């Protein structure tokens, strides 16, 4: 599989830490993480979320329902044959989303905590 971006590009452009950038670059899109994901809103699944980052479509990744419905169980990490830290990438994207002015928590998440 050809790589579209390298780790240094990800770290500079999207403020991802080294572990998250390594996960995005190294993912081979096998889909095993998505097959074990138990998040209630898992469209796109973890594999698709990583693919968005690989293609440089981080703005789309930051709007993904999976980003905020991931419960952090780390089943995706255990299923990954390359031992990538998918859950850490999701947490890094959450942090990035919280820093972005134009990106906010999805309404369905906000409604869970505000009456």
PDB file of N, CA and C in Angstrom:
ATOM      1  N   UNK A   1       0.846  -1.179   0.000  1.00  0.00           N
ATOM      2  CA  UNK A   1       0.000   0.000   0.000  1.00  0.00           C
ATOM      3  C   UNK A   1       0.890   1.241   0.000  1.00  0.00           C
ATOM      4  N   UNK A   2       0.625   2.160  -0.876  1.00  0.00           N
ATOM      5  CA  UNK A   2       1.435   3.370  -0.916  1.00  0.00           C
ATOM      6  C   UNK A   2       0.993   4.330   0.184  1.00  0.00           C
ATOM      7  N   UNK A   3       1.933   5.067   0.699  1.00  0.00           N
ATOM      8  CA  UNK A   3       1.654   6.032   1.767  1.00  0.00           C
ATOM      9  C   UNK A   3       1.427   7.406   1.139  1.00  0.00           C
ATOM     10  N   UNK A   4       0.387   8.086   1.567  1.00  0.00           N
ATOM     11  CA  UNK A   4       0.063   9.388   1.021  1.00  0.00           C
ATOM     12  C   UNK A   4       0.753  10.520   1.761  1.00  0.00           C
ATOM     13  N   UNK A   5       1.004  10.337   3.043  1.00  0.00           N
ATOM     14  CA  UNK A   5       1.637  11.357   3.863  1.00  0.00           C
ATOM     15  C   UNK A   5       2.579  10.666   4.833  1.00  0.00           C
ATOM     16  N   UNK A   6       3.555  11.400   5.328  1.00  0.00           N
ATOM     17  CA  UNK A   6       4.438  10.773   6.304  1.00  0.00           C
ATOM     18  C   UNK A   6       4.182  11.351   7.693  1.00  0.00           C
ATOM     19  N   UNK A   7       4.811  10.765   8.673  1.00  0.00           N
ATOM     20  CA  UNK A   7       4.549  11.135  10.061  1.00  0.00           C
ATOM     21  C   UNK A   7       4.852  12.604  10.316  1.00  0.00           C
ATOM     22  N   UNK A   8       5.922  13.131   9.749  1.00  0.00           N
ATOM     23  CA  UNK A   8       6.268  14.519  10.016  1.00  0.00           C
ATOM     24  C   UNK A   8       5.216  15.463   9.446  1.00  0.00           C
ATOM     25  N   UNK A   9       4.634  15.123   8.301  1.00  0.00           N
ATOM     26  CA  UNK A   9       3.564  15.949   7.751  1.00  0.00           C
ATOM     27  C   UNK A   9       2.368  15.979   8.687  1.00  0.00           C
ATOM     28  N   UNK A  10       1.980  14.831   9.213  1.00  0.00           N
ATOM     29  CA  UNK A  10       0.837  14.760  10.118  1.00  0.00           C
ATOM     30  C   UNK A  10       1.087  15.573  11.380  1.00  0.00           C
ATOM     31  N   UNK A  11       2.270  15.447  11.946  1.00  0.00           N
ATOM     32  CA  UNK A  11       2.560  16.169  13.182  1.00  0.00           C
ATOM     33  C   UNK A  11       2.521  17.676  12.954  1.00  0.00           C
ATOM     34  N   UNK A  12       3.042  18.141  11.839  1.00  0.00           N
ATOM     35  CA  UNK A  12       3.067  19.576  11.590  1.00  0.00           C
ATOM     36  C   UNK A  12       1.685  20.113  11.224  1.00  0.00           C
ATOM     37  N   UNK A  13       0.976  19.414  10.361  1.00  0.00           N
ATOM     38  CA  UNK A  13      -0.282  19.944   9.842  1.00  0.00           C
ATOM     39  C   UNK A  13      -1.443  19.783  10.810  1.00  0.00           C
ATOM     40  N   UNK A  14      -1.483  18.687  11.519  1.00  0.00           N
ATOM     41  CA  UNK A  14      -2.683  18.388  12.285  1.00  0.00           C
ATOM     42  C   UNK A  14      -2.426  18.277  13.783  1.00  0.00           C
ATOM     43  N   UNK A  15      -1.238  18.563  14.217  1.00  0.00           N
ATOM     44  CA  UNK A  15      -0.903  18.565  15.636  1.00  0.00           C
ATOM     45  C   UNK A  15      -1.148  17.212  16.303  1.00  0.00           C
ATOM     46  N   UNK A  16      -1.007  16.144  15.548  1.00  0.00           N
ATOM     47  CA  UNK A  16      -1.117  14.815  16.138  1.00  0.00           C
ATOM     48  C   UNK A  16       0.209  14.458  16.785  1.00  0.00           C
ATOM     49  N   UNK A  17       0.149  13.791  17.920  1.00  0.00           N
ATOM     50  CA  UNK A  17       1.390  13.357  18.542  1.00  0.00           C
ATOM     51  C   UNK A  17       1.981  12.194  17.749  1.00  0.00           C
ATOM     52  N   UNK A  18       3.181  11.805  18.088  1.00  0.00           N
ATOM     53  CA  UNK A  18       3.910  10.796  17.319  1.00  0.00           C
ATOM     54  C   UNK A  18       3.178   9.462  17.255  1.00  0.00           C
ATOM     55  N   UNK A  19       2.603   9.011  18.375  1.00  0.00           N
ATOM     56  CA  UNK A  19       1.912   7.711  18.391  1.00  0.00           C
ATOM     57  C   UNK A  19       0.680   7.737  17.494  1.00  0.00           C
ATOM     58  N   UNK A  20      -0.079   8.820  17.526  1.00  0.00           N
ATOM     59  CA  UNK A  20      -1.271   8.925  16.686  1.00  0.00           C
ATOM     60  C   UNK A  20      -0.897   9.015  15.213  1.00  0.00           C
ATOM     61  N   UNK A  21       0.142   9.763  14.910  1.00  0.00           N
ATOM     62  CA  UNK A  21       0.592   9.888  13.528  1.00  0.00           C
ATOM     63  C   UNK A  21       1.099   8.550  13.004  1.00  0.00           C
ATOM     64  N   UNK A  22       1.822   7.796  13.847  1.00  0.00           N
ATOM     65  CA  UNK A  22       2.319   6.478  13.441  1.00  0.00           C
ATOM     66  C   UNK A  22       1.151   5.545  13.128  1.00  0.00           C
ATOM     67  N   UNK A  23       0.105   5.594  13.933  1.00  0.00           N
ATOM     68  CA  UNK A  23      -1.072   4.757  13.691  1.00  0.00           C
ATOM     69  C   UNK A  23      -1.698   5.103  12.353  1.00  0.00           C
ATOM     70  N   UNK A  24      -1.867   6.382  12.088  1.00  0.00           N
ATOM     71  CA  UNK A  24      -2.501   6.800  10.837  1.00  0.00           C
ATOM     72  C   UNK A  24      -1.680   6.377   9.627  1.00  0.00           C
ATOM     73  N   UNK A  25      -0.387   6.539   9.699  1.00  0.00           N
ATOM     74  CA  UNK A  25       0.476   6.212   8.568  1.00  0.00           C
ATOM     75  C   UNK A  25       0.614   4.701   8.377  1.00  0.00           C
ATOM     76  N   UNK A  26       0.648   3.955   9.469  1.00  0.00           N
ATOM     77  CA  UNK A  26       0.933   2.517   9.407  1.00  0.00           C
ATOM     78  C   UNK A  26      -0.284   1.638   9.159  1.00  0.00           C
ATOM     79  N   UNK A  27      -1.478   2.178   9.301  1.00  0.00           N
ATOM     80  CA  UNK A  27      -2.687   1.361   9.144  1.00  0.00           C
ATOM     81  C   UNK A  27      -2.777   0.812   7.724  1.00  0.00           C
ATOM     82  N   UNK A  28      -3.028  -0.490   7.626  1.00  0.00           N
ATOM     83  CA  UNK A  28      -3.134  -1.155   6.326  1.00  0.00           C
ATOM     84  C   UNK A  28      -4.577  -1.359   5.887  1.00  0.00           C
ATOM     85  N   UNK A  29      -5.524  -0.804   6.637  1.00  0.00           N
ATOM     86  CA  UNK A  29      -6.944  -0.854   6.273  1.00  0.00           C
ATOM     87  C   UNK A  29      -7.488  -2.284   6.204  1.00  0.00           C
ATOM     88  N   UNK A  30      -7.094  -3.136   7.137  1.00  0.00           N
ATOM     89  CA  UNK A  30      -7.579  -4.518   7.133  1.00  0.00           C
ATOM     90  C   UNK A  30      -9.017  -4.624   7.634  1.00  0.00           C
ATOM     91  N   UNK A  31      -9.457  -3.653   8.441  1.00  0.00           N
ATOM     92  CA  UNK A  31     -10.837  -3.635   8.918  1.00  0.00           C
ATOM     93  C   UNK A  31     -11.087  -4.395  10.201  1.00  0.00           C
ATOM     94  N   UNK A  32     -10.068  -4.985  10.782  1.00  0.00           N
ATOM     95  CA  UNK A  32     -10.277  -5.761  12.009  1.00  0.00           C
ATOM     96  C   UNK A  32     -10.695  -4.879  13.180  1.00  0.00           C
ATOM     97  N   UNK A  33     -10.203  -3.652  13.242  1.00  0.00           N
ATOM     98  CA  UNK A  33     -10.605  -2.764  14.333  1.00  0.00           C
ATOM     99  C   UNK A  33     -12.093  -2.430  14.234  1.00  0.00           C
ATOM    100  N   UNK A  34     -12.579  -2.233  13.024  1.00  0.00           N
ATOM    101  CA  UNK A  34     -13.995  -1.928  12.832  1.00  0.00           C
ATOM    102  C   UNK A  34     -14.898  -3.100  13.141  1.00  0.00           C
ATOM    103  N   UNK A  35     -14.394  -4.312  12.957  1.00  0.00           N
ATOM    104  CA  UNK A  35     -15.223  -5.487  13.202  1.00  0.00           C
ATOM    105  C   UNK A  35     -15.462  -5.732  14.689  1.00  0.00           C
ATOM    106  N   UNK A  36     -14.594  -5.211  15.556  1.00  0.00           N
ATOM    107  CA  UNK A  36     -14.777  -5.408  16.995  1.00  0.00           C
ATOM    108  C   UNK A  36     -15.293  -4.155  17.707  1.00  0.00           C
ATOM    109  N   UNK A  37     -15.449  -3.059  16.983  1.00  0.00           N
ATOM    110  CA  UNK A  37     -15.866  -1.788  17.588  1.00  0.00           C
ATOM    111  C   UNK A  37     -17.283  -1.911  18.150  1.00  0.00           C
ATOM    112  N   UNK A  38     -17.456  -1.472  19.406  1.00  0.00           N
ATOM    113  CA  UNK A  38     -18.774  -1.541  20.037  1.00  0.00           C
ATOM    114  C   UNK A  38     -19.386  -0.159  20.239  1.00  0.00           C
ATOM    115  N   UNK A  39     -18.804   0.855  19.632  1.00  0.00           N
ATOM    116  CA  UNK A  39     -19.332   2.216  19.755  1.00  0.00           C
ATOM    117  C   UNK A  39     -20.742   2.281  19.180  1.00  0.00           C
ATOM    118  N   UNK A  40     -21.653   3.011  19.839  1.00  0.00           N
ATOM    119  CA  UNK A  40     -23.028   3.074  19.352  1.00  0.00           C
ATOM    120  C   UNK A  40     -23.170   3.763  17.993  1.00  0.00           C
ATOM    121  N   UNK A  41     -22.335   4.751  17.712  1.00  0.00           N
ATOM    122  CA  UNK A  41     -22.367   5.433  16.417  1.00  0.00           C
ATOM    123  C   UNK A  41     -21.044   5.150  15.731  1.00  0.00           C
ATOM    124  N   UNK A  42     -20.958   4.047  15.016  1.00  0.00           N
ATOM    125  CA  UNK A  42     -19.670   3.685  14.427  1.00  0.00           C
ATOM    126  C   UNK A  42     -19.657   3.780  12.916  1.00  0.00           C
ATOM    127  N   UNK A  43     -20.303   4.790  12.391  1.00  0.00           N
ATOM    128  CA  UNK A  43     -20.214   5.067  10.966  1.00  0.00           C
ATOM    129  C   UNK A  43     -19.619   6.454  10.833  1.00  0.00           C
ATOM    130  N   UNK A  44     -18.467   6.632  10.261  1.00  0.00           N
ATOM    131  CA  UNK A  44     -17.604   5.595   9.737  1.00  0.00           C
ATOM    132  C   UNK A  44     -16.953   4.812  10.871  1.00  0.00           C
ATOM    133  N   UNK A  45     -16.542   3.601  10.557  1.00  0.00           N
ATOM    134  CA  UNK A  45     -15.885   2.764  11.562  1.00  0.00           C
ATOM    135  C   UNK A  45     -14.441   3.222  11.741  1.00  0.00           C
ATOM    136  N   UNK A  46     -13.711   2.656  12.706  1.00  0.00           N
ATOM    137  CA  UNK A  46     -12.330   3.111  12.930  1.00  0.00           C
ATOM    138  C   UNK A  46     -11.460   3.055  11.682  1.00  0.00           C
ATOM    139  N   UNK A  47     -11.637   2.036  10.869  1.00  0.00           N
ATOM    140  CA  UNK A  47     -10.846   1.920   9.645  1.00  0.00           C
ATOM    141  C   UNK A  47     -11.097   3.108   8.727  1.00  0.00           C
ATOM    142  N   UNK A  48     -12.346   3.474   8.570  1.00  0.00           N
ATOM    143  CA  UNK A  48     -12.695   4.609   7.712  1.00  0.00           C
ATOM    144  C   UNK A  48     -12.193   5.922   8.285  1.00  0.00           C
ATOM    145  N   UNK A  49     -12.247   6.047   9.603  1.00  0.00           N
ATOM    146  CA  UNK A  49     -11.749   7.250  10.263  1.00  0.00           C
ATOM    147  C   UNK A  49     -10.251   7.409  10.009  1.00  0.00           C
ATOM    148  N   UNK A  50      -9.516   6.326  10.140  1.00  0.00           N
ATOM    149  CA  UNK A  50      -8.076   6.371   9.879  1.00  0.00           C
ATOM    150  C   UNK A  50      -7.811   6.711   8.417  1.00  0.00           C
ATOM    151  N   UNK A  51      -8.619   6.162   7.539  1.00  0.00           N
ATOM    152  CA  UNK A  51      -8.443   6.444   6.106  1.00  0.00           C
ATOM    153  C   UNK A  51      -8.633   7.925   5.810  1.00  0.00           C
ATOM    154  N   UNK A  52      -9.605   8.552   6.454  1.00  0.00           N
ATOM    155  CA  UNK A  52      -9.796   9.989   6.267  1.00  0.00           C
ATOM    156  C   UNK A  52      -8.538  10.758   6.659  1.00  0.00           C
ATOM    157  N   UNK A  53      -7.921  10.358   7.757  1.00  0.00           N
ATOM    158  CA  UNK A  53      -6.686  11.019   8.195  1.00  0.00           C
ATOM    159  C   UNK A  53      -5.559  10.746   7.199  1.00  0.00           C
ATOM    160  N   UNK A  54      -5.458   9.507   6.717  1.00  0.00           N
ATOM    161  CA  UNK A  54      -4.419   9.180   5.739  1.00  0.00           C
ATOM    162  C   UNK A  54      -4.543  10.032   4.482  1.00  0.00           C
ATOM    163  N   UNK A  55      -5.772  10.316   4.088  1.00  0.00           N
ATOM    164  CA  UNK A  55      -5.996  11.097   2.872  1.00  0.00           C
ATOM    165  C   UNK A  55      -5.947  12.603   3.117  1.00  0.00           C
ATOM    166  N   UNK A  56      -5.684  12.988   4.361  1.00  0.00           N
ATOM    167  CA  UNK A  56      -5.602  14.403   4.686  1.00  0.00           C
ATOM    168  C   UNK A  56      -6.954  15.062   4.888  1.00  0.00           C
ATOM    169  N   UNK A  57      -8.001  14.279   5.015  1.00  0.00           N
ATOM    170  CA  UNK A  57      -9.353  14.811   5.201  1.00  0.00           C
ATOM    171  C   UNK A  57      -9.692  14.861   6.688  1.00  0.00           C
ATOM    172  N   UNK A  58      -8.851  15.562   7.434  1.00  0.00           N
ATOM    173  CA  UNK A  58      -8.998  15.619   8.881  1.00  0.00           C
ATOM    174  C   UNK A  58     -10.272  16.354   9.278  1.00  0.00           C
ATOM    175  N   UNK A  59     -10.666  17.371   8.525  1.00  0.00           N
ATOM    176  CA  UNK A  59     -11.898  18.094   8.845  1.00  0.00           C
ATOM    177  C   UNK A  59     -13.091  17.143   8.839  1.00  0.00           C
ATOM    178  N   UNK A  60     -13.132  16.228   7.885  1.00  0.00           N
ATOM    179  CA  UNK A  60     -14.202  15.233   7.847  1.00  0.00           C
ATOM    180  C   UNK A  60     -14.088  14.274   9.023  1.00  0.00           C
ATOM    181  N   UNK A  61     -12.881  13.883   9.362  1.00  0.00           N
ATOM    182  CA  UNK A  61     -12.674  12.972  10.496  1.00  0.00           C
ATOM    183  C   UNK A  61     -13.152  13.615  11.798  1.00  0.00           C
ATOM    184  N   UNK A  62     -12.949  14.926  11.921  1.00  0.00           N
ATOM    185  CA  UNK A  62     -13.363  15.624  13.139  1.00  0.00           C
ATOM    186  C   UNK A  62     -14.885  15.719  13.265  1.00  0.00           C
ATOM    187  N   UNK A  63     -15.598  15.511  12.186  1.00  0.00           N
ATOM    188  CA  UNK A  63     -17.060  15.536  12.206  1.00  0.00           C
ATOM    189  C   UNK A  63     -17.669  14.142  12.364  1.00  0.00           C
ATOM    190  N   UNK A  64     -16.847  13.128  12.451  1.00  0.00           N
ATOM    191  CA  UNK A  64     -17.319  11.746  12.509  1.00  0.00           C
ATOM    192  C   UNK A  64     -18.042  11.451  13.822  1.00  0.00           C
ATOM    193  N   UNK A  65     -19.222  10.832  13.756  1.00  0.00           N
ATOM    194  CA  UNK A  65     -19.910  10.428  14.991  1.00  0.00           C
ATOM    195  C   UNK A  65     -19.077   9.462  15.835  1.00  0.00           C
ATOM    196  N   UNK A  66     -18.249   8.642  15.202  1.00  0.00           N
ATOM    197  CA  UNK A  66     -17.408   7.706  15.957  1.00  0.00           C
ATOM    198  C   UNK A  66     -16.468   8.439  16.894  1.00  0.00           C
ATOM    199  N   UNK A  67     -16.029   9.602  16.505  1.00  0.00           N
ATOM    200  CA  UNK A  67     -15.071  10.348  17.306  1.00  0.00           C
ATOM    201  C   UNK A  67     -15.573  10.550  18.731  1.00  0.00           C
ATOM    202  N   UNK A  68     -16.848  10.820  18.882  1.00  0.00           N
ATOM    203  CA  UNK A  68     -17.396  11.106  20.208  1.00  0.00           C
ATOM    204  C   UNK A  68     -18.173   9.938  20.799  1.00  0.00           C
ATOM    205  N   UNK A  69     -18.428   8.886  20.020  1.00  0.00           N
ATOM    206  CA  UNK A  69     -19.139   7.744  20.592  1.00  0.00           C
ATOM    207  C   UNK A  69     -18.189   6.622  21.013  1.00  0.00           C
ATOM    208  N   UNK A  70     -16.928   6.746  20.684  1.00  0.00           N
ATOM    209  CA  UNK A  70     -15.932   5.761  21.120  1.00  0.00           C
ATOM    210  C   UNK A  70     -15.886   5.758  22.645  1.00  0.00           C
ATOM    211  N   UNK A  71     -15.987   4.571  23.240  1.00  0.00           N
ATOM    212  CA  UNK A  71     -15.989   4.492  24.702  1.00  0.00           C
ATOM    213  C   UNK A  71     -14.600   4.186  25.266  1.00  0.00           C
ATOM    214  N   UNK A  72     -13.630   4.040  24.404  1.00  0.00           N
ATOM    215  CA  UNK A  72     -12.259   3.822  24.857  1.00  0.00           C
ATOM    216  C   UNK A  72     -11.983   2.424  25.378  1.00  0.00           C
ATOM    217  N   UNK A  73     -12.728   1.448  24.923  1.00  0.00           N
ATOM    218  CA  UNK A  73     -12.546   0.072  25.404  1.00  0.00           C
ATOM    219  C   UNK A  73     -11.256  -0.554  24.887  1.00  0.00           C
ATOM    220  N   UNK A  74     -10.706  -0.008  23.830  1.00  0.00           N
ATOM    221  CA  UNK A  74      -9.455  -0.435  23.214  1.00  0.00           C
ATOM    222  C   UNK A  74      -9.511  -1.837  22.606  1.00  0.00           C
ATOM    223  N   UNK A  75     -10.712  -2.319  22.294  1.00  0.00           N
ATOM    224  CA  UNK A  75     -10.844  -3.585  21.569  1.00  0.00           C
ATOM    225  C   UNK A  75     -10.177  -3.472  20.200  1.00  0.00           C
ATOM    226  N   UNK A  76     -10.242  -2.269  19.621  1.00  0.00           N
ATOM    227  CA  UNK A  76      -9.615  -2.041  18.316  1.00  0.00           C
ATOM    228  C   UNK A  76      -8.107  -2.280  18.387  1.00  0.00           C
ATOM    229  N   UNK A  77      -7.485  -1.844  19.473  1.00  0.00           N
ATOM    230  CA  UNK A  77      -6.047  -2.052  19.636  1.00  0.00           C
ATOM    231  C   UNK A  77      -5.708  -3.534  19.707  1.00  0.00           C
ATOM    232  N   UNK A  78      -6.522  -4.285  20.440  1.00  0.00           N
ATOM    233  CA  UNK A  78      -6.257  -5.717  20.592  1.00  0.00           C
ATOM    234  C   UNK A  78      -6.483  -6.487  19.292  1.00  0.00           C
ATOM    235  N   UNK A  79      -7.400  -5.987  18.452  1.00  0.00           N
ATOM    236  CA  UNK A  79      -7.700  -6.670  17.194  1.00  0.00           C
ATOM    237  C   UNK A  79      -6.696  -6.353  16.090  1.00  0.00           C
ATOM    238  N   UNK A  80      -5.975  -5.262  16.227  1.00  0.00           N
ATOM    239  CA  UNK A  80      -5.053  -4.835  15.174  1.00  0.00           C
ATOM    240  C   UNK A  80      -3.868  -5.789  15.053  1.00  0.00           C
ATOM    241  N   UNK A  81      -3.674  -6.382  13.870  1.00  0.00           N
ATOM    242  CA  UNK A  81      -2.543  -7.302  13.700  1.00  0.00           C
ATOM    243  C   UNK A  81      -1.189  -6.595  13.744  1.00  0.00           C
ATOM    244  N   UNK A  82      -1.179  -5.277  13.541  1.00  0.00           N
ATOM    245  CA  UNK A  82       0.071  -4.512  13.582  1.00  0.00           C
ATOM    246  C   UNK A  82       0.298  -3.828  14.922  1.00  0.00           C
ATOM    247  N   UNK A  83      -0.578  -4.122  15.875  1.00  0.00           N
ATOM    248  CA  UNK A  83      -0.479  -3.562  17.231  1.00  0.00           C
ATOM    249  C   UNK A  83      -0.495  -2.031  17.230  1.00  0.00           C
ATOM    250  N   UNK A  84      -1.316  -1.446  16.357  1.00  0.00           N
ATOM    251  CA  UNK A  84      -1.442   0.007  16.316  1.00  0.00           C
ATOM    252  C   UNK A  84      -2.387   0.465  17.419  1.00  0.00           C
ATOM    253  N   UNK A  85      -2.208   1.687  17.865  1.00  0.00           N
ATOM    254  CA  UNK A  85      -3.024   2.230  18.950  1.00  0.00           C
ATOM    255  C   UNK A  85      -4.135   3.090  18.363  1.00  0.00           C
ATOM    256  N   UNK A  86      -5.165   2.449  17.873  1.00  0.00           N
ATOM    257  CA  UNK A  86      -6.286   3.125  17.224  1.00  0.00           C
ATOM    258  C   UNK A  86      -7.024   4.015  18.211  1.00  0.00           C
ATOM    259  N   UNK A  87      -7.233   3.535  19.419  1.00  0.00           N
ATOM    260  CA  UNK A  87      -7.950   4.317  20.435  1.00  0.00           C
ATOM    261  C   UNK A  87      -7.207   5.616  20.747  1.00  0.00           C
ATOM    262  N   UNK A  88      -5.894   5.560  20.746  1.00  0.00           N
ATOM    263  CA  UNK A  88      -5.109   6.769  20.994  1.00  0.00           C
ATOM    264  C   UNK A  88      -5.301   7.784  19.860  1.00  0.00           C
ATOM    265  N   UNK A  89      -5.371   7.303  18.642  1.00  0.00           N
ATOM    266  CA  UNK A  89      -5.622   8.200  17.513  1.00  0.00           C
ATOM    267  C   UNK A  89      -6.974   8.883  17.677  1.00  0.00           C
ATOM    268  N   UNK A  90      -7.992   8.139  18.087  1.00  0.00           N
ATOM    269  CA  UNK A  90      -9.314   8.725  18.307  1.00  0.00           C
ATOM    270  C   UNK A  90      -9.241   9.796  19.393  1.00  0.00           C
ATOM    271  N   UNK A  91      -8.537   9.519  20.486  1.00  0.00           N
ATOM    272  CA  UNK A  91      -8.391  10.518  21.556  1.00  0.00           C
ATOM    273  C   UNK A  91      -7.645  11.759  21.060  1.00  0.00           C
ATOM    274  N   UNK A  92      -6.626  11.552  20.232  1.00  0.00           N
ATOM    275  CA  UNK A  92      -5.880  12.692  19.678  1.00  0.00           C
ATOM    276  C   UNK A  92      -6.777  13.548  18.785  1.00  0.00           C
ATOM    277  N   UNK A  93      -7.609  12.891  17.991  1.00  0.00           N
ATOM    278  CA  UNK A  93      -8.544  13.637  17.142  1.00  0.00           C
ATOM    279  C   UNK A  93      -9.570  14.386  17.990  1.00  0.00           C
ATOM    280  N   UNK A  94      -9.988  13.802  19.093  1.00  0.00           N
ATOM    281  CA  UNK A  94     -10.894  14.507  20.009  1.00  0.00           C
ATOM    282  C   UNK A  94     -10.248  15.773  20.539  1.00  0.00           C
ATOM    283  N   UNK A  95      -8.987  15.655  20.964  1.00  0.00           N
ATOM    284  CA  UNK A  95      -8.276  16.837  21.469  1.00  0.00           C
ATOM    285  C   UNK A  95      -8.169  17.908  20.386  1.00  0.00           C
ATOM    286  N   UNK A  96      -7.861  17.482  19.182  1.00  0.00           N
ATOM    287  CA  UNK A  96      -7.766  18.422  18.069  1.00  0.00           C
ATOM    288  C   UNK A  96      -9.117  19.084  17.823  1.00  0.00           C
ATOM    289  N   UNK A  97     -10.177  18.302  17.871  1.00  0.00           N
ATOM    290  CA  UNK A  97     -11.522  18.835  17.673  1.00  0.00           C
ATOM    291  C   UNK A  97     -11.868  19.877  18.730  1.00  0.00           C
ATOM    292  N   UNK A  98     -11.485  19.618  19.966  1.00  0.00           N
ATOM    293  CA  UNK A  98     -11.785  20.553  21.053  1.00  0.00           C
ATOM    294  C   UNK A  98     -11.037  21.872  20.884  1.00  0.00           C
ATOM    295  N   UNK A  99      -9.871  21.828  20.212  1.00  0.00           N
ATOM    296  CA  UNK A  99      -9.095  23.060  19.989  1.00  0.00           C
ATOM    297  C   UNK A  99      -9.572  23.876  18.801  1.00  0.00           C
ATOM    298  N   UNK A 100     -10.249  23.227  17.881  1.00  0.00           N
ATOM    299  CA  UNK A 100     -10.675  23.919  16.669  1.00  0.00           C
ATOM    300  C   UNK A 100     -11.868  24.827  16.954  1.00  0.00           C
ATOM    301  N   UNK A 101     -11.804  26.025  16.472  1.00  0.00           N
ATOM    302  CA  UNK A 101     -12.863  26.997  16.701  1.00  0.00           C
ATOM    303  C   UNK A 101     -14.145  26.625  15.959  1.00  0.00           C
ATOM    304  N   UNK A 102     -14.019  26.107  14.737  1.00  0.00           N
ATOM    305  CA  UNK A 102     -15.197  25.830  13.918  1.00  0.00           C
ATOM    306  C   UNK A 102     -15.793  24.444  14.158  1.00  0.00           C
ATOM    307  N   UNK A 103     -15.117  23.622  14.946  1.00  0.00           N
ATOM    308  CA  UNK A 103     -15.606  22.274  15.204  1.00  0.00           C
ATOM    309  C   UNK A 103     -16.064  22.214  16.650  1.00  0.00           C
ATOM    310  N   UNK A 104     -17.237  21.688  16.860  1.00  0.00           N
ATOM    311  CA  UNK A 104     -17.737  21.591  18.225  1.00  0.00           C
ATOM    312  C   UNK A 104     -18.309  20.196  18.453  1.00  0.00           C
ATOM    313  N   UNK A 105     -18.703  19.937  19.679  1.00  0.00           N
ATOM    314  CA  UNK A 105     -19.318  18.657  19.989  1.00  0.00           C
ATOM    315  C   UNK A 105     -20.576  18.488  19.159  1.00  0.00           C
ATOM    316  N   UNK A 106     -20.808  17.295  18.640  1.00  0.00           N
ATOM    317  CA  UNK A 106     -22.039  17.049  17.891  1.00  0.00           C
ATOM    318  C   UNK A 106     -23.264  17.239  18.794  1.00  0.00           C
ATOM    319  N   UNK A 107     -24.357  17.650  18.212  1.00  0.00           N
ATOM    320  CA  UNK A 107     -25.571  17.923  18.968  1.00  0.00           C
ATOM    321  C   UNK A 107     -26.027  16.704  19.762  1.00  0.00           C
ATOM    322  N   UNK A 108     -25.934  15.515  19.205  1.00  0.00           N
ATOM    323  CA  UNK A 108     -26.399  14.335  19.931  1.00  0.00           C
ATOM    324  C   UNK A 108     -25.574  14.071  21.185  1.00  0.00           C
ATOM    325  N   UNK A 109     -24.309  14.455  21.190  1.00  0.00           N
ATOM    326  CA  UNK A 109     -23.496  14.301  22.395  1.00  0.00           C
ATOM    327  C   UNK A 109     -23.855  15.395  23.381  1.00  0.00           C
ATOM    328  N   UNK A 110     -24.000  16.616  22.918  1.00  0.00           N
ATOM    329  CA  UNK A 110     -24.355  17.733  23.776  1.00  0.00           C
ATOM    330  C   UNK A 110     -25.694  17.472  24.479  1.00  0.00           C
ATOM    331  N   UNK A 111     -26.661  16.920  23.739  1.00  0.00           N
ATOM    332  CA  UNK A 111     -27.985  16.638  24.299  1.00  0.00           C
ATOM    333  C   UNK A 111     -27.951  15.608  25.420  1.00  0.00           C
ATOM    334  N   UNK A 112     -26.942  14.746  25.438  1.00  0.00           N
ATOM    335  CA  UNK A 112     -26.834  13.750  26.504  1.00  0.00           C
ATOM    336  C   UNK A 112     -26.569  14.393  27.860  1.00  0.00           C
ATOM    337  N   UNK A 113     -25.914  15.542  27.854  1.00  0.00           N
ATOM    338  CA  UNK A 113     -25.488  16.159  29.109  1.00  0.00           C
ATOM    339  C   UNK A 113     -26.257  17.416  29.490  1.00  0.00           C
ATOM    340  N   UNK A 114     -27.037  17.954  28.593  1.00  0.00           N
ATOM    341  CA  UNK A 114     -27.793  19.173  28.875  1.00  0.00           C
ATOM    342  C   UNK A 114     -29.272  18.864  28.791  1.00  0.00           C
ATOM    343  N   UNK A 115     -29.993  19.250  29.810  1.00  0.00           N
ATOM    344  CA  UNK A 115     -31.432  18.969  29.794  1.00  0.00           C
ATOM    345  C   UNK A 115     -32.203  20.129  29.193  1.00  0.00           C
TER     346      UNK A 115
END
